[in-house]
Amino acid sequence: MKSPARDPASSTSATATSAAAWERPAAWSWILIGGLTVGAFDLLFAMIWWAPLGTSPIRIPQSVAAWIIGRDIAFAGGATTALFGAALHFYLMTAIVAIYHVASRGRPWLLQHPLRNGAIYGALCYVLIHVIAVPMFSAAPPRRFLLDWSVACLLAHMLLVGVPCALFARRWHEASGD
């Protein structure tokens, strides 16, 4: 039995239809997905960095919890404080995504160069969180300055937090023609 001939025009229109078929999700759900994505990137980065030094993965979210409840309580709290730290971390990362998303409305230049602008935004977020807020307001400020860790965190925030924030914002705004 002979198969029906393919119409080249129909395959072109099918491709165009599938590209246009992506409907923009609600902003809150897109921001939440972005927050979960960058939060996971950031946590995995820290876990991979500290693993060769024998640091248990549970210590990473506990360290975030320590910002609020103090180092001794956070490390003694087991899975409970690790979950609290993870929730705090994902909340913070979602807020970071939301801020870029809102800032990019009506500012097309923030969307036009997501690698450059996202990297700058990630560096700014790193400075605000790890250079200003945590040392000044944390219940468990850093005990010592580790240059290699600080540089790695700066780069991670630029590439794993800032750039995805910009890419998420661009994708969402492009879908609506903003």
N, C-alpha and C. Protein backbone atom coordinates (compact mmCIF):
# COMPACT_ATOMS: atom_id res chain seq x y z
N MET A 1 0.85 -1.17 0.00
CA MET A 1 0.00 0.00 0.00
C MET A 1 0.89 1.23 0.00
N LYS A 2 0.54 2.18 -0.78
CA LYS A 2 1.32 3.39 -0.95
C LYS A 2 0.90 4.41 0.12
N SER A 3 1.92 5.04 0.75
CA SER A 3 1.58 6.06 1.75
C SER A 3 1.23 7.36 1.05
N PRO A 4 0.40 8.16 1.67
CA PRO A 4 -0.02 9.41 1.04
C PRO A 4 1.18 10.35 0.90
N ALA A 5 1.17 11.12 -0.16
CA ALA A 5 2.24 12.07 -0.40
C ALA A 5 2.18 13.19 0.64
N ARG A 6 3.35 13.64 1.09
CA ARG A 6 3.41 14.73 2.07
C ARG A 6 3.42 16.06 1.35
N ASP A 7 2.63 16.92 1.82
CA ASP A 7 2.58 18.27 1.27
C ASP A 7 3.61 19.12 2.01
N PRO A 8 4.65 19.61 1.32
CA PRO A 8 5.69 20.39 1.98
C PRO A 8 5.12 21.63 2.68
N ALA A 9 4.11 22.22 2.14
CA ALA A 9 3.52 23.41 2.75
C ALA A 9 2.89 23.08 4.09
N SER A 10 2.31 21.88 4.21
CA SER A 10 1.64 21.53 5.47
C SER A 10 2.66 21.30 6.57
N SER A 11 3.84 20.77 6.28
CA SER A 11 4.84 20.57 7.32
C SER A 11 5.39 21.90 7.80
N THR A 12 5.51 22.88 6.91
CA THR A 12 5.96 24.21 7.30
C THR A 12 4.95 24.87 8.21
N SER A 13 3.67 24.76 7.86
CA SER A 13 2.65 25.38 8.70
C SER A 13 2.53 24.66 10.03
N ALA A 14 2.77 23.35 10.04
CA ALA A 14 2.72 22.61 11.30
C ALA A 14 3.82 23.07 12.24
N THR A 15 5.00 23.34 11.69
CA THR A 15 6.10 23.83 12.51
C THR A 15 5.77 25.21 13.06
N ALA A 16 5.24 26.07 12.24
CA ALA A 16 4.87 27.42 12.68
C ALA A 16 3.78 27.35 13.75
N THR A 17 2.82 26.44 13.54
CA THR A 17 1.74 26.29 14.51
C THR A 17 2.27 25.81 15.85
N SER A 18 3.21 24.84 15.86
CA SER A 18 3.72 24.32 17.12
C SER A 18 4.53 25.38 17.84
N ALA A 19 5.25 26.25 17.12
CA ALA A 19 6.02 27.31 17.75
C ALA A 19 5.08 28.34 18.37
N ALA A 20 3.99 28.63 17.68
CA ALA A 20 3.04 29.61 18.19
C ALA A 20 2.09 29.01 19.23
N ALA A 21 2.06 27.69 19.34
CA ALA A 21 1.13 27.04 20.24
C ALA A 21 1.53 27.19 21.71
N TRP A 22 2.76 27.57 21.98
CA TRP A 22 3.18 27.76 23.36
C TRP A 22 2.46 28.94 23.93
N GLU A 23 1.58 28.66 24.85
CA GLU A 23 0.84 29.74 25.47
C GLU A 23 1.57 30.18 26.72
N ARG A 24 1.65 31.45 26.90
CA ARG A 24 2.35 32.01 28.04
C ARG A 24 1.61 31.63 29.31
N PRO A 25 2.31 31.03 30.26
CA PRO A 25 1.66 30.70 31.54
C PRO A 25 1.44 31.97 32.36
N ALA A 26 0.67 31.83 33.41
CA ALA A 26 0.47 32.95 34.32
C ALA A 26 1.82 33.37 34.89
N ALA A 27 1.98 34.66 35.13
CA ALA A 27 3.27 35.17 35.61
C ALA A 27 3.69 34.49 36.90
N TRP A 28 2.75 34.30 37.82
CA TRP A 28 3.12 33.71 39.11
C TRP A 28 3.66 32.30 38.95
N SER A 29 3.08 31.51 38.03
CA SER A 29 3.56 30.14 37.86
C SER A 29 4.92 30.12 37.16
N TRP A 30 5.13 31.04 36.23
CA TRP A 30 6.41 31.13 35.53
C TRP A 30 7.51 31.56 36.51
N ILE A 31 7.19 32.51 37.38
CA ILE A 31 8.14 32.97 38.39
C ILE A 31 8.45 31.85 39.37
N LEU A 32 7.45 31.09 39.76
CA LEU A 32 7.67 29.97 40.67
C LEU A 32 8.57 28.91 40.03
N ILE A 33 8.33 28.59 38.77
CA ILE A 33 9.19 27.64 38.06
C ILE A 33 10.61 28.18 37.99
N GLY A 34 10.75 29.45 37.70
CA GLY A 34 12.07 30.07 37.67
C GLY A 34 12.76 30.01 39.02
N GLY A 35 12.03 30.31 40.08
CA GLY A 35 12.60 30.25 41.43
C GLY A 35 13.06 28.86 41.81
N LEU A 36 12.24 27.86 41.47
CA LEU A 36 12.63 26.48 41.76
C LEU A 36 13.86 26.07 40.94
N THR A 37 13.93 26.55 39.70
CA THR A 37 15.06 26.22 38.84
C THR A 37 16.35 26.83 39.35
N VAL A 38 16.36 28.15 39.57
CA VAL A 38 17.60 28.78 40.02
C VAL A 38 17.95 28.36 41.44
N GLY A 39 16.95 28.10 42.25
CA GLY A 39 17.22 27.61 43.60
C GLY A 39 17.90 26.24 43.58
N ALA A 40 17.42 25.37 42.70
CA ALA A 40 18.04 24.05 42.57
C ALA A 40 19.47 24.17 42.04
N PHE A 41 19.66 25.03 41.02
CA PHE A 41 21.01 25.24 40.49
C PHE A 41 21.96 25.69 41.60
N ASP A 42 21.52 26.65 42.40
CA ASP A 42 22.37 27.23 43.44
C ASP A 42 22.67 26.22 44.55
N LEU A 43 21.66 25.49 44.99
CA LEU A 43 21.89 24.47 46.02
C LEU A 43 22.81 23.36 45.52
N LEU A 44 22.58 22.91 44.31
CA LEU A 44 23.46 21.86 43.75
C LEU A 44 24.89 22.34 43.60
N PHE A 45 25.07 23.59 43.19
CA PHE A 45 26.41 24.15 43.11
C PHE A 45 27.11 24.06 44.46
N ALA A 46 26.44 24.53 45.51
CA ALA A 46 27.04 24.53 46.85
C ALA A 46 27.33 23.10 47.33
N MET A 47 26.40 22.19 47.08
CA MET A 47 26.61 20.79 47.50
C MET A 47 27.80 20.17 46.78
N ILE A 48 27.92 20.45 45.48
CA ILE A 48 29.04 19.90 44.70
C ILE A 48 30.35 20.53 45.16
N TRP A 49 30.34 21.82 45.44
CA TRP A 49 31.56 22.50 45.89
C TRP A 49 32.08 21.91 47.20
N TRP A 50 31.19 21.72 48.17
CA TRP A 50 31.61 21.30 49.50
C TRP A 50 31.75 19.80 49.66
N ALA A 51 31.21 19.01 48.76
CA ALA A 51 31.28 17.54 48.89
C ALA A 51 32.71 17.01 48.98
N PRO A 52 33.66 17.46 48.16
CA PRO A 52 35.03 16.93 48.27
C PRO A 52 35.69 17.21 49.63
N LEU A 53 35.16 18.18 50.36
CA LEU A 53 35.70 18.49 51.68
C LEU A 53 35.00 17.72 52.78
N GLY A 54 34.08 16.82 52.39
CA GLY A 54 33.40 15.97 53.35
C GLY A 54 32.16 16.57 53.96
N THR A 55 31.67 17.66 53.41
CA THR A 55 30.47 18.31 53.93
C THR A 55 29.24 17.56 53.45
N SER A 56 28.40 17.17 54.37
CA SER A 56 27.16 16.48 54.04
C SER A 56 26.21 17.44 53.31
N PRO A 57 25.49 16.95 52.31
CA PRO A 57 24.55 17.83 51.59
C PRO A 57 23.51 18.50 52.49
N ILE A 58 23.15 17.87 53.59
CA ILE A 58 22.14 18.45 54.49
C ILE A 58 22.65 19.74 55.13
N ARG A 59 23.97 19.90 55.22
CA ARG A 59 24.56 21.09 55.82
C ARG A 59 24.30 22.35 55.00
N ILE A 60 24.11 22.18 53.70
CA ILE A 60 23.94 23.36 52.85
C ILE A 60 22.64 24.09 53.19
N PRO A 61 21.48 23.44 53.15
CA PRO A 61 20.27 24.17 53.56
C PRO A 61 20.26 24.53 55.05
N GLN A 62 20.93 23.73 55.88
CA GLN A 62 21.03 24.10 57.29
C GLN A 62 21.81 25.40 57.45
N SER A 63 22.81 25.61 56.60
CA SER A 63 23.58 26.86 56.65
C SER A 63 22.69 28.05 56.30
N VAL A 64 21.76 27.86 55.38
CA VAL A 64 20.82 28.94 55.05
C VAL A 64 19.89 29.18 56.24
N ALA A 65 19.41 28.12 56.87
CA ALA A 65 18.56 28.27 58.05
C ALA A 65 19.30 29.00 59.16
N ALA A 66 20.61 28.80 59.24
CA ALA A 66 21.42 29.44 60.27
C ALA A 66 21.37 30.96 60.17
N TRP A 67 21.09 31.50 59.00
CA TRP A 67 20.98 32.95 58.85
C TRP A 67 19.89 33.50 59.77
N ILE A 68 18.85 32.68 59.99
CA ILE A 68 17.69 33.14 60.78
C ILE A 68 17.75 32.63 62.22
N ILE A 69 18.07 31.34 62.39
CA ILE A 69 17.97 30.73 63.72
C ILE A 69 19.30 30.51 64.41
N GLY A 70 20.39 30.82 63.75
CA GLY A 70 21.71 30.63 64.36
C GLY A 70 22.32 29.29 63.97
N ARG A 71 23.64 29.27 63.97
CA ARG A 71 24.41 28.12 63.50
C ARG A 71 24.18 26.86 64.36
N ASP A 72 24.29 26.99 65.68
CA ASP A 72 24.18 25.82 66.56
C ASP A 72 22.81 25.15 66.45
N ILE A 73 21.76 25.96 66.47
CA ILE A 73 20.41 25.40 66.37
C ILE A 73 20.18 24.78 65.00
N ALA A 74 20.64 25.45 63.95
CA ALA A 74 20.43 24.95 62.58
C ALA A 74 21.12 23.61 62.38
N PHE A 75 22.37 23.49 62.83
CA PHE A 75 23.10 22.23 62.61
C PHE A 75 22.62 21.11 63.52
N ALA A 76 22.04 21.45 64.65
CA ALA A 76 21.52 20.42 65.56
C ALA A 76 20.10 19.98 65.18
N GLY A 77 19.45 20.73 64.31
CA GLY A 77 18.04 20.48 64.01
C GLY A 77 17.74 19.38 63.01
N GLY A 78 18.78 18.81 62.39
CA GLY A 78 18.57 17.71 61.45
C GLY A 78 17.75 18.10 60.23
N ALA A 79 16.88 17.17 59.84
CA ALA A 79 16.09 17.36 58.62
C ALA A 79 15.12 18.53 58.75
N THR A 80 14.64 18.81 59.94
CA THR A 80 13.69 19.91 60.13
C THR A 80 14.30 21.25 59.75
N THR A 81 15.51 21.51 60.27
CA THR A 81 16.14 22.79 59.93
C THR A 81 16.64 22.79 58.48
N ALA A 82 16.99 21.63 57.95
CA ALA A 82 17.37 21.55 56.53
C ALA A 82 16.18 21.91 55.64
N LEU A 83 15.00 21.41 55.98
CA LEU A 83 13.79 21.76 55.22
C LEU A 83 13.45 23.23 55.36
N PHE A 84 13.61 23.75 56.56
CA PHE A 84 13.39 25.18 56.77
C PHE A 84 14.37 26.00 55.93
N GLY A 85 15.63 25.63 55.93
CA GLY A 85 16.65 26.32 55.14
C GLY A 85 16.37 26.22 53.65
N ALA A 86 15.94 25.05 53.20
CA ALA A 86 15.61 24.88 51.77
C ALA A 86 14.42 25.75 51.39
N ALA A 87 13.40 25.78 52.25
CA ALA A 87 12.23 26.62 51.98
C ALA A 87 12.63 28.09 51.93
N LEU A 88 13.46 28.52 52.87
CA LEU A 88 13.94 29.90 52.88
C LEU A 88 14.75 30.20 51.62
N HIS A 89 15.61 29.29 51.22
CA HIS A 89 16.43 29.46 50.03
C HIS A 89 15.56 29.57 48.78
N PHE A 90 14.59 28.67 48.62
CA PHE A 90 13.72 28.72 47.44
C PHE A 90 12.83 29.96 47.44
N TYR A 91 12.42 30.40 48.62
CA TYR A 91 11.66 31.65 48.71
C TYR A 91 12.51 32.82 48.22
N LEU A 92 13.75 32.88 48.68
CA LEU A 92 14.66 33.94 48.27
C LEU A 92 14.93 33.90 46.77
N MET A 93 15.17 32.72 46.23
CA MET A 93 15.44 32.60 44.79
C MET A 93 14.21 32.97 43.96
N THR A 94 13.02 32.62 44.44
CA THR A 94 11.80 33.00 43.74
C THR A 94 11.61 34.51 43.77
N ALA A 95 11.94 35.14 44.89
CA ALA A 95 11.87 36.60 44.96
C ALA A 95 12.85 37.24 43.99
N ILE A 96 14.04 36.66 43.85
CA ILE A 96 15.04 37.17 42.91
C ILE A 96 14.52 37.08 41.48
N VAL A 97 13.90 35.96 41.13
CA VAL A 97 13.31 35.80 39.79
C VAL A 97 12.18 36.81 39.60
N ALA A 98 11.34 36.98 40.60
CA ALA A 98 10.20 37.91 40.50
C ALA A 98 10.68 39.35 40.32
N ILE A 99 11.72 39.73 41.02
CA ILE A 99 12.23 41.10 40.90
C ILE A 99 12.71 41.37 39.48
N TYR A 100 13.46 40.44 38.90
CA TYR A 100 13.93 40.65 37.53
C TYR A 100 12.75 40.67 36.56
N HIS A 101 11.80 39.78 36.79
CA HIS A 101 10.62 39.71 35.92
C HIS A 101 9.87 41.04 35.92
N VAL A 102 9.62 41.57 37.09
CA VAL A 102 8.88 42.83 37.21
C VAL A 102 9.72 43.98 36.66
N ALA A 103 11.01 43.99 36.97
CA ALA A 103 11.89 45.06 36.48
C ALA A 103 11.97 45.08 34.96
N SER A 104 11.82 43.93 34.33
CA SER A 104 11.96 43.86 32.87
C SER A 104 10.71 44.33 32.12
N ARG A 105 9.61 44.50 32.82
CA ARG A 105 8.39 45.02 32.17
C ARG A 105 8.63 46.46 31.74
N GLY A 106 8.42 46.73 30.48
CA GLY A 106 8.61 48.08 29.98
C GLY A 106 10.07 48.49 29.82
N ARG A 107 10.97 47.56 30.06
CA ARG A 107 12.40 47.83 29.88
C ARG A 107 12.99 46.78 28.95
N PRO A 108 12.75 46.91 27.66
CA PRO A 108 13.19 45.88 26.72
C PRO A 108 14.69 45.64 26.73
N TRP A 109 15.48 46.62 27.13
CA TRP A 109 16.93 46.44 27.16
C TRP A 109 17.33 45.35 28.17
N LEU A 110 16.52 45.12 29.19
CA LEU A 110 16.81 44.03 30.13
C LEU A 110 16.59 42.66 29.50
N LEU A 111 15.74 42.62 28.48
CA LEU A 111 15.41 41.36 27.82
C LEU A 111 16.28 41.10 26.59
N GLN A 112 16.86 42.14 26.03
CA GLN A 112 17.59 42.00 24.77
C GLN A 112 18.94 41.28 24.91
N HIS A 113 19.60 41.41 26.01
CA HIS A 113 20.91 40.79 26.22
C HIS A 113 20.89 39.99 27.53
N PRO A 114 20.22 38.85 27.53
CA PRO A 114 20.03 38.14 28.80
C PRO A 114 21.33 37.62 29.42
N LEU A 115 22.33 37.29 28.63
CA LEU A 115 23.58 36.79 29.21
C LEU A 115 24.29 37.91 29.96
N ARG A 116 24.44 39.03 29.31
CA ARG A 116 25.12 40.17 29.95
C ARG A 116 24.31 40.71 31.12
N ASN A 117 23.04 41.03 30.87
CA ASN A 117 22.22 41.64 31.91
C ASN A 117 21.94 40.68 33.06
N GLY A 118 21.75 39.41 32.73
CA GLY A 118 21.55 38.42 33.78
C GLY A 118 22.78 38.24 34.64
N ALA A 119 23.96 38.23 34.03
CA ALA A 119 25.20 38.10 34.79
C ALA A 119 25.39 39.30 35.72
N ILE A 120 25.10 40.48 35.24
CA ILE A 120 25.19 41.68 36.08
C ILE A 120 24.20 41.59 37.23
N TYR A 121 22.97 41.16 36.91
CA TYR A 121 21.94 41.01 37.96
C TYR A 121 22.36 39.96 38.99
N GLY A 122 22.90 38.85 38.53
CA GLY A 122 23.36 37.82 39.46
C GLY A 122 24.47 38.33 40.37
N ALA A 123 25.40 39.11 39.82
CA ALA A 123 26.47 39.68 40.63
C ALA A 123 25.90 40.64 41.67
N LEU A 124 24.93 41.45 41.25
CA LEU A 124 24.28 42.38 42.18
C LEU A 124 23.57 41.61 43.31
N CYS A 125 22.87 40.55 42.96
CA CYS A 125 22.20 39.73 43.98
C CYS A 125 23.21 39.12 44.95
N TYR A 126 24.32 38.64 44.41
CA TYR A 126 25.37 38.07 45.27
C TYR A 126 25.86 39.11 46.28
N VAL A 127 26.16 40.31 45.79
CA VAL A 127 26.66 41.36 46.68
C VAL A 127 25.63 41.72 47.73
N LEU A 128 24.38 41.90 47.31
CA LEU A 128 23.33 42.27 48.27
C LEU A 128 23.11 41.21 49.34
N ILE A 129 23.16 39.94 48.94
CA ILE A 129 22.89 38.88 49.91
C ILE A 129 24.12 38.55 50.74
N HIS A 130 25.23 38.22 50.05
CA HIS A 130 26.38 37.64 50.75
C HIS A 130 27.41 38.65 51.25
N VAL A 131 27.40 39.84 50.70
CA VAL A 131 28.37 40.85 51.16
C VAL A 131 27.71 41.83 52.12
N ILE A 132 26.41 42.11 51.90
CA ILE A 132 25.74 43.10 52.75
C ILE A 132 24.80 42.45 53.77
N ALA A 133 23.75 41.77 53.29
CA ALA A 133 22.69 41.30 54.19
C ALA A 133 23.15 40.23 55.19
N VAL A 134 23.76 39.17 54.71
CA VAL A 134 24.13 38.08 55.63
C VAL A 134 25.15 38.56 56.67
N PRO A 135 26.24 39.21 56.29
CA PRO A 135 27.17 39.65 57.33
C PRO A 135 26.58 40.67 58.31
N MET A 136 25.66 41.52 57.83
CA MET A 136 25.13 42.56 58.72
C MET A 136 23.95 42.12 59.57
N PHE A 137 23.09 41.27 59.02
CA PHE A 137 21.84 40.98 59.70
C PHE A 137 21.65 39.53 60.12
N SER A 138 22.54 38.66 59.73
CA SER A 138 22.35 37.24 59.97
C SER A 138 22.61 36.86 61.43
N ALA A 139 21.87 35.84 61.88
CA ALA A 139 22.13 35.26 63.19
C ALA A 139 23.42 34.45 63.18
N ALA A 140 23.91 34.12 61.98
CA ALA A 140 25.16 33.36 61.84
C ALA A 140 25.99 33.94 60.70
N PRO A 141 26.62 35.12 60.93
CA PRO A 141 27.44 35.68 59.87
C PRO A 141 28.64 34.78 59.58
N PRO A 142 29.23 34.91 58.41
CA PRO A 142 30.38 34.06 58.07
C PRO A 142 31.49 34.21 59.11
N ARG A 143 32.13 33.10 59.46
CA ARG A 143 33.22 33.12 60.44
C ARG A 143 34.51 33.67 59.84
N ARG A 144 34.72 33.38 58.57
CA ARG A 144 35.93 33.84 57.91
C ARG A 144 35.66 34.01 56.43
N PHE A 145 36.52 34.80 55.79
CA PHE A 145 36.40 35.05 54.37
C PHE A 145 37.22 34.01 53.62
N LEU A 146 36.58 33.29 52.71
CA LEU A 146 37.26 32.31 51.88
C LEU A 146 37.22 32.82 50.44
N LEU A 147 38.37 33.25 49.94
CA LEU A 147 38.43 33.88 48.62
C LEU A 147 37.94 32.96 47.52
N ASP A 148 38.39 31.70 47.50
CA ASP A 148 37.98 30.79 46.42
C ASP A 148 36.48 30.54 46.45
N TRP A 149 35.91 30.36 47.64
CA TRP A 149 34.47 30.15 47.78
C TRP A 149 33.70 31.40 47.36
N SER A 150 34.18 32.57 47.75
CA SER A 150 33.50 33.82 47.41
C SER A 150 33.50 34.06 45.90
N VAL A 151 34.63 33.83 45.25
CA VAL A 151 34.70 34.01 43.79
C VAL A 151 33.81 32.99 43.09
N ALA A 152 33.83 31.75 43.56
CA ALA A 152 32.98 30.71 42.97
C ALA A 152 31.51 31.05 43.14
N CYS A 153 31.13 31.56 44.31
CA CYS A 153 29.74 31.95 44.55
C CYS A 153 29.33 33.12 43.67
N LEU A 154 30.22 34.09 43.51
CA LEU A 154 29.92 35.22 42.63
C LEU A 154 29.66 34.72 41.21
N LEU A 155 30.54 33.86 40.70
CA LEU A 155 30.35 33.32 39.35
C LEU A 155 29.08 32.48 39.25
N ALA A 156 28.80 31.68 40.29
CA ALA A 156 27.59 30.86 40.30
C ALA A 156 26.34 31.74 40.27
N HIS A 157 26.35 32.81 41.05
CA HIS A 157 25.20 33.71 41.04
C HIS A 157 25.04 34.39 39.68
N MET A 158 26.15 34.71 39.05
CA MET A 158 26.07 35.33 37.72
C MET A 158 25.50 34.35 36.69
N LEU A 159 26.04 33.11 36.68
CA LEU A 159 25.69 32.14 35.63
C LEU A 159 24.49 31.27 35.96
N LEU A 160 24.31 30.91 37.22
CA LEU A 160 23.26 29.96 37.59
C LEU A 160 22.02 30.62 38.18
N VAL A 161 22.14 31.89 38.53
CA VAL A 161 20.99 32.61 39.08
C VAL A 161 20.59 33.75 38.13
N GLY A 162 21.50 34.68 37.90
CA GLY A 162 21.17 35.86 37.10
C GLY A 162 20.79 35.57 35.67
N VAL A 163 21.61 34.78 34.98
CA VAL A 163 21.31 34.48 33.58
C VAL A 163 19.98 33.74 33.44
N PRO A 164 19.70 32.70 34.23
CA PRO A 164 18.37 32.07 34.10
C PRO A 164 17.22 33.04 34.43
N CYS A 165 17.42 33.97 35.37
CA CYS A 165 16.38 34.97 35.64
C CYS A 165 16.06 35.76 34.38
N ALA A 166 17.11 36.20 33.70
CA ALA A 166 16.92 36.99 32.48
C ALA A 166 16.29 36.16 31.37
N LEU A 167 16.71 34.90 31.26
CA LEU A 167 16.15 34.03 30.22
C LEU A 167 14.69 33.71 30.49
N PHE A 168 14.34 33.47 31.76
CA PHE A 168 12.94 33.23 32.10
C PHE A 168 12.09 34.45 31.79
N ALA A 169 12.57 35.63 32.14
CA ALA A 169 11.82 36.86 31.87
C ALA A 169 11.66 37.07 30.37
N ARG A 170 12.73 36.88 29.63
CA ARG A 170 12.66 37.07 28.17
C ARG A 170 11.67 36.12 27.54
N ARG A 171 11.72 34.85 27.91
CA ARG A 171 10.81 33.85 27.33
C ARG A 171 9.36 34.21 27.62
N TRP A 172 9.08 34.63 28.84
CA TRP A 172 7.70 34.95 29.22
C TRP A 172 7.22 36.18 28.45
N HIS A 173 8.04 37.22 28.37
CA HIS A 173 7.64 38.45 27.68
C HIS A 173 7.54 38.25 26.17
N GLU A 174 8.39 37.41 25.59
CA GLU A 174 8.33 37.14 24.15
C GLU A 174 7.04 36.45 23.77
N ALA A 175 6.53 35.61 24.64
CA ALA A 175 5.31 34.87 24.34
C ALA A 175 4.10 35.80 24.19
N SER A 176 4.16 36.96 24.82
CA SER A 176 3.03 37.89 24.75
C SER A 176 3.28 39.02 23.78
N GLY A 177 4.50 39.09 23.28
CA GLY A 177 4.82 40.19 22.37
C GLY A 177 5.10 41.48 23.11
N ASP A 178 5.36 41.38 24.43
CA ASP A 178 5.69 42.58 25.23
C ASP A 178 6.96 43.23 24.72
